[in-house]
Amino acid sequence: MLWDLFCRVVDNYGDVGVCWRLARDLAARGERVRLRIDDASALAWMAPGGAPGVEVLAFDDPAPPGNVVVEAFGCDPPAAFVAAMVAMHRAPVWINLEYLSAEAWVERSHGLPSPQPNGLVKWFFFPGFSESTGGLLREPGLMAERQDFDRTAWLGAKGIARRPGERLVSLFCYEARPQLLQALAGQPTLLLLTPGAAQALAAAEAPGLRTHSLDWLDQRDYDRLLWSCDVNFVRGEDSLVRAIWAGAPFVWQIYPQHDGVHALKLQALIERMPALPRLAALWRAWNGLEPAWPLWPDPATWAGAAAEFSARMAARDDLASRLRSFAAAKLMPGC
């Protein structure tokens, strides 16, 4: 099938990150993908080599629609493109790929049609954490690749010198809360800071704590960063999913919303995670929802729970597989 994947880059690179992973994953499975994006500049460091089967076009490129149209996060294709869809003898499958959420209403909304005034139908497709949703982005063979990964070699190639007995922690965040430094102190720790807000903590001092500022990593190397660390602090949608596949303890910083609904979304995922003492309080504190920083969960118990959650999610069909099946079914005669 020929896929048109529309992406508007709002901020923080999350939109383009998710869309590029999806485009690359679909193309690797034999699909033809045109990523129509309004600002492709981040791909220069995120995906410098491109990907076979993926063509990057301007958002308003006049190329006619293919078989499947995916608008990421309700970004609305250009009016001229929608008019071309209406004029086709057989309209393409039109899918709105929504944001990831663990909330219960997602299961009720996934796969529902939205009839449009122009006669077309737009279908809602929700990524999620249960069998009743669209699943999570995961490339075939990813888990086996992680199992064969040599973190010592990768860290050495990146110039990251880990001392004996030192805990490795990665930090990718919207806001770097200084309380983290005190929480990490007390055990020898090397804190790896990604570009952006995290590097506000560069050269921070605390007993037993060292910091190392990273350059921009492409998506492949960011995965390997997560695989290398003992604890990962991640933010937004894309890095959350990659932290799950890393199978290591992680703490999620959700995108803050002015009306406070992000607190409900955070709690919804906490409730799907393995029940672990102190973990929920740690997540809430990192998101500024509790004033006091709790004690860390027991490291061995936390590591086991993270590995179990990763394996449980990996046992389900991934998002690209479910999306392909969904689109193919809608293209069948009579659908």
C-alpha atoms as a PDB file:
ATOM      1  CA  MET A   1       0.000   0.000   0.000  1.00  0.00           C
ATOM      2  CA  LEU A   2       1.028   3.601  -0.533  1.00  0.00           C
ATOM      3  CA  TRP A   3       0.778   5.562   2.719  1.00  0.00           C
ATOM      4  CA  ASP A   4       0.618   9.330   3.176  1.00  0.00           C
ATOM      5  CA  LEU A   5       1.643  10.172   6.740  1.00  0.00           C
ATOM      6  CA  PHE A   6       0.995  13.808   7.726  1.00  0.00           C
ATOM      7  CA  CYS A   7       2.934  15.427  10.557  1.00  0.00           C
ATOM      8  CA  ARG A   8       2.958  18.948  11.974  1.00  0.00           C
ATOM      9  CA  VAL A   9       5.884  19.668  14.272  1.00  0.00           C
ATOM     10  CA  VAL A  10       4.484  21.483  17.297  1.00  0.00           C
ATOM     11  CA  ASP A  11       7.376  21.423  19.766  1.00  0.00           C
ATOM     12  CA  ASN A  12       9.806  19.158  21.620  1.00  0.00           C
ATOM     13  CA  TYR A  13      10.367  16.834  18.609  1.00  0.00           C
ATOM     14  CA  GLY A  14       7.874  14.257  19.874  1.00  0.00           C
ATOM     15  CA  ASP A  15       5.581  14.531  16.853  1.00  0.00           C
ATOM     16  CA  VAL A  16       8.327  14.040  14.300  1.00  0.00           C
ATOM     17  CA  GLY A  17       9.936  11.342  16.450  1.00  0.00           C
ATOM     18  CA  VAL A  18       6.815   9.192  16.518  1.00  0.00           C
ATOM     19  CA  CYS A  19       6.039   9.807  12.846  1.00  0.00           C
ATOM     20  CA  TRP A  20       9.538   8.939  11.670  1.00  0.00           C
ATOM     21  CA  ARG A  21       9.602   5.709  13.665  1.00  0.00           C
ATOM     22  CA  LEU A  22       6.222   4.740  12.217  1.00  0.00           C
ATOM     23  CA  ALA A  23       7.218   5.638   8.652  1.00  0.00           C
ATOM     24  CA  ARG A  24      10.455   3.692   8.920  1.00  0.00           C
ATOM     25  CA  ASP A  25       8.707   0.696  10.507  1.00  0.00           C
ATOM     26  CA  LEU A  26       6.007   0.538   7.819  1.00  0.00           C
ATOM     27  CA  ALA A  27       8.576   0.817   5.036  1.00  0.00           C
ATOM     28  CA  ALA A  28      10.692  -1.954   6.561  1.00  0.00           C
ATOM     29  CA  ARG A  29       7.640  -4.219   6.289  1.00  0.00           C
ATOM     30  CA  GLY A  30       7.286  -3.570   2.560  1.00  0.00           C
ATOM     31  CA  GLU A  31       4.941  -0.572   2.544  1.00  0.00           C
ATOM     32  CA  ARG A  32       5.613   2.605   0.552  1.00  0.00           C
ATOM     33  CA  VAL A  33       5.503   5.687   2.766  1.00  0.00           C
ATOM     34  CA  ARG A  34       5.448   9.406   2.051  1.00  0.00           C
ATOM     35  CA  LEU A  35       6.083  11.426   5.198  1.00  0.00           C
ATOM     36  CA  ARG A  36       4.478  14.823   4.577  1.00  0.00           C
ATOM     37  CA  ILE A  37       5.891  17.160   7.195  1.00  0.00           C
ATOM     38  CA  ASP A  38       5.868  20.922   7.735  1.00  0.00           C
ATOM     39  CA  ASP A  39       9.347  21.065   9.300  1.00  0.00           C
ATOM     40  CA  ALA A  40      11.769  18.234   8.539  1.00  0.00           C
ATOM     41  CA  SER A  41      14.833  19.950  10.063  1.00  0.00           C
ATOM     42  CA  ALA A  42      15.014  17.620  13.090  1.00  0.00           C
ATOM     43  CA  LEU A  43      15.436  14.619  10.792  1.00  0.00           C
ATOM     44  CA  ALA A  44      18.948  15.871  10.033  1.00  0.00           C
ATOM     45  CA  TRP A  45      20.110  14.561  13.436  1.00  0.00           C
ATOM     46  CA  MET A  46      17.257  12.197  14.296  1.00  0.00           C
ATOM     47  CA  ALA A  47      17.486  10.141  11.099  1.00  0.00           C
ATOM     48  CA  PRO A  48      20.514  11.399   9.146  1.00  0.00           C
ATOM     49  CA  GLY A  49      20.598   8.421   6.790  1.00  0.00           C
ATOM     50  CA  GLY A  50      16.904   8.424   5.942  1.00  0.00           C
ATOM     51  CA  ALA A  51      15.256   5.034   5.433  1.00  0.00           C
ATOM     52  CA  PRO A  52      14.614   2.846   2.379  1.00  0.00           C
ATOM     53  CA  GLY A  53      11.004   3.136   1.238  1.00  0.00           C
ATOM     54  CA  VAL A  54      10.365   6.462   2.998  1.00  0.00           C
ATOM     55  CA  GLU A  55      10.024   9.640   0.943  1.00  0.00           C
ATOM     56  CA  VAL A  56       9.974  12.959   2.804  1.00  0.00           C
ATOM     57  CA  LEU A  57       7.713  15.592   1.243  1.00  0.00           C
ATOM     58  CA  ALA A  58       6.541  19.062   2.188  1.00  0.00           C
ATOM     59  CA  PHE A  59       3.267  19.103   4.100  1.00  0.00           C
ATOM     60  CA  ASP A  60       1.419  20.693   1.158  1.00  0.00           C
ATOM     61  CA  ASP A  61       3.135  18.754  -1.647  1.00  0.00           C
ATOM     62  CA  PRO A  62       0.674  18.336  -4.564  1.00  0.00           C
ATOM     63  CA  ALA A  63       1.326  14.604  -5.106  1.00  0.00           C
ATOM     64  CA  PRO A  64      -2.078  12.835  -5.229  1.00  0.00           C
ATOM     65  CA  PRO A  65      -3.264  10.622  -2.343  1.00  0.00           C
ATOM     66  CA  GLY A  66      -2.250   6.990  -2.064  1.00  0.00           C
ATOM     67  CA  ASN A  67      -4.147   4.091  -0.476  1.00  0.00           C
ATOM     68  CA  VAL A  68      -3.923   5.109   3.188  1.00  0.00           C
ATOM     69  CA  VAL A  69      -3.845   8.593   4.696  1.00  0.00           C
ATOM     70  CA  VAL A  70      -2.679   8.937   8.291  1.00  0.00           C
ATOM     71  CA  GLU A  71      -2.900  12.297  10.001  1.00  0.00           C
ATOM     72  CA  ALA A  72      -0.831  12.216  13.140  1.00  0.00           C
ATOM     73  CA  PHE A  73      -2.409  13.759  16.219  1.00  0.00           C
ATOM     74  CA  GLY A  74      -5.293  15.455  14.388  1.00  0.00           C
ATOM     75  CA  CYS A  75      -3.052  17.667  12.260  1.00  0.00           C
ATOM     76  CA  ASP A  76      -5.611  17.966   9.368  1.00  0.00           C
ATOM     77  CA  PRO A  77      -4.245  17.421   5.828  1.00  0.00           C
ATOM     78  CA  PRO A  78      -4.361  20.445   3.483  1.00  0.00           C
ATOM     79  CA  ALA A  79      -7.776  21.276   2.033  1.00  0.00           C
ATOM     80  CA  ALA A  80      -6.554  20.618  -1.521  1.00  0.00           C
ATOM     81  CA  PHE A  81      -5.370  17.138  -0.525  1.00  0.00           C
ATOM     82  CA  VAL A  82      -8.718  16.329   1.127  1.00  0.00           C
ATOM     83  CA  ALA A  83     -10.530  17.544  -2.008  1.00  0.00           C
ATOM     84  CA  ALA A  84      -8.379  15.165  -4.049  1.00  0.00           C
ATOM     85  CA  MET A  85      -9.394  12.327  -1.722  1.00  0.00           C
ATOM     86  CA  VAL A  86     -13.068  13.149  -2.314  1.00  0.00           C
ATOM     87  CA  ALA A  87     -12.560  13.106  -6.084  1.00  0.00           C
ATOM     88  CA  MET A  88     -10.984   9.640  -6.150  1.00  0.00           C
ATOM     89  CA  HIS A  89     -12.974   6.705  -7.541  1.00  0.00           C
ATOM     90  CA  ARG A  90     -12.200   4.799  -4.358  1.00  0.00           C
ATOM     91  CA  ALA A  91     -11.263   7.022  -1.473  1.00  0.00           C
ATOM     92  CA  PRO A  92      -8.205   6.086   0.603  1.00  0.00           C
ATOM     93  CA  VAL A  93      -8.543   4.895   4.172  1.00  0.00           C
ATOM     94  CA  TRP A  94      -8.282   8.021   6.317  1.00  0.00           C
ATOM     95  CA  ILE A  95      -6.928   7.470   9.823  1.00  0.00           C
ATOM     96  CA  ASN A  96      -6.358   9.888  12.678  1.00  0.00           C
ATOM     97  CA  LEU A  97      -3.467   8.460  14.699  1.00  0.00           C
ATOM     98  CA  GLU A  98      -4.059   9.836  18.173  1.00  0.00           C
ATOM     99  CA  TYR A  99      -1.770  10.479  21.120  1.00  0.00           C
ATOM    100  CA  LEU A 100      -0.774   7.617  23.383  1.00  0.00           C
ATOM    101  CA  SER A 101      -2.753   7.268  26.591  1.00  0.00           C
ATOM    102  CA  ALA A 102      -3.424   4.578  29.185  1.00  0.00           C
ATOM    103  CA  GLU A 103      -6.839   6.027  30.087  1.00  0.00           C
ATOM    104  CA  ALA A 104      -9.828   3.667  29.963  1.00  0.00           C
ATOM    105  CA  TRP A 105     -11.819   5.768  27.470  1.00  0.00           C
ATOM    106  CA  VAL A 106      -9.180   5.079  24.810  1.00  0.00           C
ATOM    107  CA  GLU A 107     -10.358   1.466  24.552  1.00  0.00           C
ATOM    108  CA  ARG A 108     -13.930   2.628  23.874  1.00  0.00           C
ATOM    109  CA  SER A 109     -12.841   5.135  21.234  1.00  0.00           C
ATOM    110  CA  HIS A 110     -10.274   3.089  19.344  1.00  0.00           C
ATOM    111  CA  GLY A 111     -11.387   2.150  15.834  1.00  0.00           C
ATOM    112  CA  LEU A 112     -14.500   4.330  15.797  1.00  0.00           C
ATOM    113  CA  PRO A 113     -15.558   6.081  12.557  1.00  0.00           C
ATOM    114  CA  SER A 114     -16.041   9.821  12.190  1.00  0.00           C
ATOM    115  CA  PRO A 115     -18.205  10.564   9.099  1.00  0.00           C
ATOM    116  CA  GLN A 116     -17.160  13.829   7.441  1.00  0.00           C
ATOM    117  CA  PRO A 117     -19.462  16.406   5.755  1.00  0.00           C
ATOM    118  CA  ASN A 118     -17.697  15.731   2.430  1.00  0.00           C
ATOM    119  CA  GLY A 119     -18.764  12.072   2.459  1.00  0.00           C
ATOM    120  CA  LEU A 120     -15.442  10.644   3.607  1.00  0.00           C
ATOM    121  CA  VAL A 121     -14.942   8.688   6.814  1.00  0.00           C
ATOM    122  CA  LYS A 122     -12.074   9.326   9.198  1.00  0.00           C
ATOM    123  CA  TRP A 123     -11.180   6.494  11.590  1.00  0.00           C
ATOM    124  CA  PHE A 124      -9.773   7.014  15.076  1.00  0.00           C
ATOM    125  CA  PHE A 125      -6.741   4.878  15.885  1.00  0.00           C
ATOM    126  CA  PHE A 126      -5.430   5.021  19.455  1.00  0.00           C
ATOM    127  CA  PRO A 127      -2.078   3.601  20.527  1.00  0.00           C
ATOM    128  CA  GLY A 128      -2.325   2.013  23.939  1.00  0.00           C
ATOM    129  CA  PHE A 129      -1.333  -0.558  26.508  1.00  0.00           C
ATOM    130  CA  SER A 130      -4.095  -3.156  26.129  1.00  0.00           C
ATOM    131  CA  GLU A 131      -5.395  -5.591  23.519  1.00  0.00           C
ATOM    132  CA  SER A 132      -8.349  -3.270  22.882  1.00  0.00           C
ATOM    133  CA  THR A 133      -6.149  -0.469  21.527  1.00  0.00           C
ATOM    134  CA  GLY A 134      -3.724   0.055  18.641  1.00  0.00           C
ATOM    135  CA  GLY A 135      -0.669  -1.118  20.583  1.00  0.00           C
ATOM    136  CA  LEU A 136       2.803   0.402  20.852  1.00  0.00           C
ATOM    137  CA  LEU A 137       5.446   1.138  18.214  1.00  0.00           C
ATOM    138  CA  ARG A 138       7.951  -1.725  18.166  1.00  0.00           C
ATOM    139  CA  GLU A 139      10.050  -2.829  15.217  1.00  0.00           C
ATOM    140  CA  PRO A 140      10.369  -6.560  14.460  1.00  0.00           C
ATOM    141  CA  GLY A 141      13.487  -8.000  16.051  1.00  0.00           C
ATOM    142  CA  LEU A 142      13.972  -5.086  18.452  1.00  0.00           C
ATOM    143  CA  MET A 143      13.899  -7.195  21.608  1.00  0.00           C
ATOM    144  CA  ALA A 144      16.379  -9.720  20.213  1.00  0.00           C
ATOM    145  CA  GLU A 145      18.654  -6.859  19.182  1.00  0.00           C
ATOM    146  CA  ARG A 146      18.527  -5.494  22.704  1.00  0.00           C
ATOM    147  CA  GLN A 147      19.478  -8.887  24.122  1.00  0.00           C
ATOM    148  CA  ASP A 148      22.623  -8.988  21.939  1.00  0.00           C
ATOM    149  CA  PHE A 149      23.621  -5.397  22.725  1.00  0.00           C
ATOM    150  CA  ASP A 150      27.084  -4.720  24.191  1.00  0.00           C
ATOM    151  CA  ARG A 151      26.694  -1.637  26.349  1.00  0.00           C
ATOM    152  CA  THR A 152      30.371  -1.446  27.316  1.00  0.00           C
ATOM    153  CA  ALA A 153      31.400  -1.199  23.668  1.00  0.00           C
ATOM    154  CA  TRP A 154      28.697   1.352  22.858  1.00  0.00           C
ATOM    155  CA  LEU A 155      29.529   3.571  25.831  1.00  0.00           C
ATOM    156  CA  GLY A 156      33.220   3.446  24.960  1.00  0.00           C
ATOM    157  CA  ALA A 157      32.522   4.442  21.370  1.00  0.00           C
ATOM    158  CA  LYS A 158      30.581   7.468  22.654  1.00  0.00           C
ATOM    159  CA  GLY A 159      33.399   8.529  24.969  1.00  0.00           C
ATOM    160  CA  ILE A 160      31.410   7.757  28.128  1.00  0.00           C
ATOM    161  CA  ALA A 161      33.774   6.482  30.822  1.00  0.00           C
ATOM    162  CA  ARG A 162      31.906   4.610  33.521  1.00  0.00           C
ATOM    163  CA  ARG A 163      33.790   3.985  36.761  1.00  0.00           C
ATOM    164  CA  PRO A 164      33.599   0.614  38.558  1.00  0.00           C
ATOM    165  CA  GLY A 165      30.443   0.325  40.667  1.00  0.00           C
ATOM    166  CA  GLU A 166      28.935   3.473  39.202  1.00  0.00           C
ATOM    167  CA  ARG A 167      25.205   3.599  38.462  1.00  0.00           C
ATOM    168  CA  LEU A 168      24.300   4.950  35.021  1.00  0.00           C
ATOM    169  CA  VAL A 169      21.244   7.228  34.766  1.00  0.00           C
ATOM    170  CA  SER A 170      19.945   9.013  31.642  1.00  0.00           C
ATOM    171  CA  LEU A 171      17.944  12.232  31.835  1.00  0.00           C
ATOM    172  CA  PHE A 172      15.599  13.517  29.112  1.00  0.00           C
ATOM    173  CA  CYS A 173      13.058  15.975  30.484  1.00  0.00           C
ATOM    174  CA  TYR A 174      10.873  19.040  30.008  1.00  0.00           C
ATOM    175  CA  GLU A 175      12.073  20.472  33.315  1.00  0.00           C
ATOM    176  CA  ALA A 176      15.106  19.365  35.315  1.00  0.00           C
ATOM    177  CA  ARG A 177      14.116  19.371  38.983  1.00  0.00           C
ATOM    178  CA  PRO A 178      17.154  19.901  41.267  1.00  0.00           C
ATOM    179  CA  GLN A 179      15.732  17.428  43.811  1.00  0.00           C
ATOM    180  CA  LEU A 180      16.981  14.699  41.500  1.00  0.00           C
ATOM    181  CA  LEU A 181      20.564  15.500  42.455  1.00  0.00           C
ATOM    182  CA  GLN A 182      19.941  14.828  46.132  1.00  0.00           C
ATOM    183  CA  ALA A 183      17.979  11.691  45.270  1.00  0.00           C
ATOM    184  CA  LEU A 184      20.906  10.316  43.272  1.00  0.00           C
ATOM    185  CA  ALA A 185      23.535  11.271  45.834  1.00  0.00           C
ATOM    186  CA  GLY A 186      24.681   8.559  48.176  1.00  0.00           C
ATOM    187  CA  GLN A 187      25.410   5.993  45.482  1.00  0.00           C
ATOM    188  CA  PRO A 188      28.143   6.569  42.891  1.00  0.00           C
ATOM    189  CA  THR A 189      26.241   7.776  39.831  1.00  0.00           C
ATOM    190  CA  LEU A 190      27.048   9.019  36.344  1.00  0.00           C
ATOM    191  CA  LEU A 191      24.146  11.158  35.121  1.00  0.00           C
ATOM    192  CA  LEU A 192      23.957  11.365  31.320  1.00  0.00           C
ATOM    193  CA  LEU A 193      22.276  14.603  30.212  1.00  0.00           C
ATOM    194  CA  THR A 194      20.551  14.838  26.837  1.00  0.00           C
ATOM    195  CA  PRO A 195      20.441  18.186  24.987  1.00  0.00           C
ATOM    196  CA  GLY A 196      17.831  20.652  26.211  1.00  0.00           C
ATOM    197  CA  ALA A 197      16.473  21.174  29.696  1.00  0.00           C
ATOM    198  CA  ALA A 198      18.448  18.289  31.190  1.00  0.00           C
ATOM    199  CA  GLN A 199      21.744  20.056  30.611  1.00  0.00           C
ATOM    200  CA  ALA A 200      20.749  22.753  33.082  1.00  0.00           C
ATOM    201  CA  LEU A 201      22.180  20.261  35.593  1.00  0.00           C
ATOM    202  CA  ALA A 202      25.563  20.065  33.841  1.00  0.00           C
ATOM    203  CA  ALA A 203      28.487  20.317  36.253  1.00  0.00           C
ATOM    204  CA  ALA A 204      26.086  19.990  39.185  1.00  0.00           C
ATOM    205  CA  GLU A 205      27.762  18.885  42.389  1.00  0.00           C
ATOM    206  CA  ALA A 206      26.522  16.324  44.863  1.00  0.00           C
ATOM    207  CA  PRO A 207      28.336  13.596  46.799  1.00  0.00           C
ATOM    208  CA  GLY A 208      29.179  10.698  44.493  1.00  0.00           C
ATOM    209  CA  LEU A 209      27.501  12.289  41.459  1.00  0.00           C
ATOM    210  CA  ARG A 210      29.109  13.064  38.102  1.00  0.00           C
ATOM    211  CA  THR A 211      27.379  14.513  35.028  1.00  0.00           C
ATOM    212  CA  HIS A 212      28.119  14.049  31.337  1.00  0.00           C
ATOM    213  CA  SER A 213      26.455  16.169  28.622  1.00  0.00           C
ATOM    214  CA  LEU A 214      25.521  14.323  25.443  1.00  0.00           C
ATOM    215  CA  ASP A 215      25.262  15.571  21.886  1.00  0.00           C
ATOM    216  CA  TRP A 216      22.081  15.000  19.877  1.00  0.00           C
ATOM    217  CA  LEU A 217      21.581  11.280  19.296  1.00  0.00           C
ATOM    218  CA  ASP A 218      19.788   9.737  16.341  1.00  0.00           C
ATOM    219  CA  GLN A 219      16.898   7.433  17.196  1.00  0.00           C
ATOM    220  CA  ARG A 220      19.001   4.289  16.982  1.00  0.00           C
ATOM    221  CA  ASP A 221      21.590   5.640  19.405  1.00  0.00           C
ATOM    222  CA  TYR A 222      18.945   6.980  21.775  1.00  0.00           C
ATOM    223  CA  ASP A 223      17.572   3.442  22.073  1.00  0.00           C
ATOM    224  CA  ARG A 224      21.063   2.243  22.900  1.00  0.00           C
ATOM    225  CA  LEU A 225      21.470   4.938  25.519  1.00  0.00           C
ATOM    226  CA  LEU A 226      18.372   3.608  27.250  1.00  0.00           C
ATOM    227  CA  TRP A 227      19.628   0.028  26.952  1.00  0.00           C
ATOM    228  CA  SER A 228      22.913   1.084  28.575  1.00  0.00           C
ATOM    229  CA  CYS A 229      21.477   2.749  31.674  1.00  0.00           C
ATOM    230  CA  ASP A 230      20.344   1.370  35.002  1.00  0.00           C
ATOM    231  CA  VAL A 231      17.592   4.017  35.328  1.00  0.00           C
ATOM    232  CA  ASN A 232      16.092   6.200  32.593  1.00  0.00           C
ATOM    233  CA  PHE A 233      14.238   9.478  33.070  1.00  0.00           C
ATOM    234  CA  VAL A 234      12.140  10.027  29.942  1.00  0.00           C
ATOM    235  CA  ARG A 235       9.507  12.461  28.742  1.00  0.00           C
ATOM    236  CA  GLY A 236       6.539  12.582  26.373  1.00  0.00           C
ATOM    237  CA  GLU A 237       5.402   9.724  24.152  1.00  0.00           C
ATOM    238  CA  ASP A 238       8.274   8.462  22.020  1.00  0.00           C
ATOM    239  CA  SER A 239      10.914   8.120  24.736  1.00  0.00           C
ATOM    240  CA  LEU A 240       8.347   6.571  27.101  1.00  0.00           C
ATOM    241  CA  VAL A 241       7.745   3.700  24.685  1.00  0.00           C
ATOM    242  CA  ARG A 242      11.474   3.274  24.061  1.00  0.00           C
ATOM    243  CA  ALA A 243      12.084   3.125  27.821  1.00  0.00           C
ATOM    244  CA  ILE A 244       9.528   0.328  28.087  1.00  0.00           C
ATOM    245  CA  TRP A 245      11.401  -1.666  25.439  1.00  0.00           C
ATOM    246  CA  ALA A 246      14.680  -1.049  27.273  1.00  0.00           C
ATOM    247  CA  GLY A 247      13.320  -3.216  30.100  1.00  0.00           C
ATOM    248  CA  ALA A 248      15.104  -1.130  32.760  1.00  0.00           C
ATOM    249  CA  PRO A 249      13.631   1.025  35.557  1.00  0.00           C
ATOM    250  CA  PHE A 250      12.316   4.343  34.255  1.00  0.00           C
ATOM    251  CA  VAL A 251      10.560   7.488  35.449  1.00  0.00           C
ATOM    252  CA  TRP A 252       8.184   9.299  33.110  1.00  0.00           C
ATOM    253  CA  GLN A 253       7.700  13.058  32.872  1.00  0.00           C
ATOM    254  CA  ILE A 254       4.407  13.703  31.099  1.00  0.00           C
ATOM    255  CA  TYR A 255       3.826  16.778  28.928  1.00  0.00           C
ATOM    256  CA  PRO A 256       2.318  19.353  31.338  1.00  0.00           C
ATOM    257  CA  GLN A 257      -1.082  20.819  30.464  1.00  0.00           C
ATOM    258  CA  HIS A 258      -2.457  24.012  31.960  1.00  0.00           C
ATOM    259  CA  ASP A 259      -5.784  22.439  32.980  1.00  0.00           C
ATOM    260  CA  GLY A 260      -4.070  19.700  34.977  1.00  0.00           C
ATOM    261  CA  VAL A 261      -5.432  16.751  32.984  1.00  0.00           C
ATOM    262  CA  HIS A 262      -1.887  15.440  32.626  1.00  0.00           C
ATOM    263  CA  ALA A 263      -2.143  14.284  36.260  1.00  0.00           C
ATOM    264  CA  LEU A 264      -4.998  11.957  35.293  1.00  0.00           C
ATOM    265  CA  LYS A 265      -3.042  10.601  32.328  1.00  0.00           C
ATOM    266  CA  LEU A 266      -0.008  10.001  34.513  1.00  0.00           C
ATOM    267  CA  GLN A 267      -2.102   8.129  37.087  1.00  0.00           C
ATOM    268  CA  ALA A 268      -3.689   5.994  34.354  1.00  0.00           C
ATOM    269  CA  LEU A 269      -0.297   4.643  33.315  1.00  0.00           C
ATOM    270  CA  ILE A 270       0.839   4.192  36.913  1.00  0.00           C
ATOM    271  CA  GLU A 271      -2.173   1.940  37.430  1.00  0.00           C
ATOM    272  CA  ARG A 272      -1.159  -0.238  34.474  1.00  0.00           C
ATOM    273  CA  MET A 273       2.402  -0.620  35.751  1.00  0.00           C
ATOM    274  CA  PRO A 274       3.381  -3.355  38.211  1.00  0.00           C
ATOM    275  CA  ALA A 275       2.428  -2.344  41.746  1.00  0.00           C
ATOM    276  CA  LEU A 276       5.703  -1.276  43.341  1.00  0.00           C
ATOM    277  CA  PRO A 277       6.124   0.547  46.653  1.00  0.00           C
ATOM    278  CA  ARG A 278       7.308   4.171  46.246  1.00  0.00           C
ATOM    279  CA  LEU A 279       7.208   4.133  42.443  1.00  0.00           C
ATOM    280  CA  ALA A 280       3.950   6.065  42.083  1.00  0.00           C
ATOM    281  CA  ALA A 281       5.114   8.684  44.588  1.00  0.00           C
ATOM    282  CA  LEU A 282       8.419   9.023  42.725  1.00  0.00           C
ATOM    283  CA  TRP A 283       6.638   9.578  39.398  1.00  0.00           C
ATOM    284  CA  ARG A 284       4.302  12.164  40.910  1.00  0.00           C
ATOM    285  CA  ALA A 285       7.148  14.018  42.617  1.00  0.00           C
ATOM    286  CA  TRP A 286       9.171  14.147  39.385  1.00  0.00           C
ATOM    287  CA  ASN A 287       6.120  15.660  37.679  1.00  0.00           C
ATOM    288  CA  GLY A 288       5.706  18.315  40.362  1.00  0.00           C
ATOM    289  CA  LEU A 289       2.507  16.758  41.697  1.00  0.00           C
ATOM    290  CA  GLU A 290       3.896  16.034  45.180  1.00  0.00           C
ATOM    291  CA  PRO A 291       6.167  18.312  47.213  1.00  0.00           C
ATOM    292  CA  ALA A 292       8.218  15.648  48.972  1.00  0.00           C
ATOM    293  CA  TRP A 293      10.710  13.416  47.150  1.00  0.00           C
ATOM    294  CA  PRO A 294      10.167   9.804  48.302  1.00  0.00           C
ATOM    295  CA  LEU A 295      12.723   7.094  48.873  1.00  0.00           C
ATOM    296  CA  TRP A 296      13.716   5.135  45.774  1.00  0.00           C
ATOM    297  CA  PRO A 297      12.098   1.764  45.151  1.00  0.00           C
ATOM    298  CA  ASP A 298      14.273  -1.227  45.953  1.00  0.00           C
ATOM    299  CA  PRO A 299      16.631  -1.446  42.925  1.00  0.00           C
ATOM    300  CA  ALA A 300      16.395  -5.213  42.389  1.00  0.00           C
ATOM    301  CA  THR A 301      12.617  -5.260  42.761  1.00  0.00           C
ATOM    302  CA  TRP A 302      12.282  -2.249  40.451  1.00  0.00           C
ATOM    303  CA  ALA A 303      14.493  -3.868  37.801  1.00  0.00           C
ATOM    304  CA  GLY A 304      12.442  -7.050  37.909  1.00  0.00           C
ATOM    305  CA  ALA A 305       9.158  -5.164  37.629  1.00  0.00           C
ATOM    306  CA  ALA A 306      10.411  -3.111  34.673  1.00  0.00           C
ATOM    307  CA  ALA A 307      11.587  -6.236  32.853  1.00  0.00           C
ATOM    308  CA  GLU A 308       8.240  -7.948  33.496  1.00  0.00           C
ATOM    309  CA  PHE A 309       6.260  -4.973  32.204  1.00  0.00           C
ATOM    310  CA  SER A 310       8.445  -4.770  29.094  1.00  0.00           C
ATOM    311  CA  ALA A 311       7.973  -8.468  28.345  1.00  0.00           C
ATOM    312  CA  ARG A 312       4.212  -8.235  28.893  1.00  0.00           C
ATOM    313  CA  MET A 313       3.886  -5.331  26.467  1.00  0.00           C
ATOM    314  CA  ALA A 314       6.169  -7.037  23.915  1.00  0.00           C
ATOM    315  CA  ALA A 315       3.960 -10.137  23.925  1.00  0.00           C
ATOM    316  CA  ARG A 316       1.225  -8.125  22.167  1.00  0.00           C
ATOM    317  CA  ASP A 317       0.985  -7.100  18.536  1.00  0.00           C
ATOM    318  CA  ASP A 318       2.792  -3.855  17.816  1.00  0.00           C
ATOM    319  CA  LEU A 319       1.246  -0.658  16.465  1.00  0.00           C
ATOM    320  CA  ALA A 320       2.470  -0.954  12.866  1.00  0.00           C
ATOM    321  CA  SER A 321       1.117  -4.510  12.604  1.00  0.00           C
ATOM    322  CA  ARG A 322      -2.282  -3.469  13.922  1.00  0.00           C
ATOM    323  CA  LEU A 323      -2.351  -0.348  11.759  1.00  0.00           C
ATOM    324  CA  ARG A 324      -1.581  -2.341   8.594  1.00  0.00           C
ATOM    325  CA  SER A 325      -4.299  -4.876   9.383  1.00  0.00           C
ATOM    326  CA  PHE A 326      -6.791  -2.122  10.171  1.00  0.00           C
ATOM    327  CA  ALA A 327      -6.093  -0.263   6.907  1.00  0.00           C
ATOM    328  CA  ALA A 328      -6.138  -3.425   4.788  1.00  0.00           C
ATOM    329  CA  ALA A 329      -9.510  -4.437   6.226  1.00  0.00           C
ATOM    330  CA  LYS A 330     -11.011  -1.022   5.437  1.00  0.00           C
ATOM    331  CA  LEU A 331      -9.740  -1.258   1.834  1.00  0.00           C
ATOM    332  CA  MET A 332     -11.576  -4.534   1.224  1.00  0.00           C
ATOM    333  CA  PRO A 333     -14.619  -4.286  -1.067  1.00  0.00           C
ATOM    334  CA  GLY A 334     -17.781  -3.512   0.875  1.00  0.00           C
ATOM    335  CA  CYS A 335     -15.981  -1.887   3.801  1.00  0.00           C
END
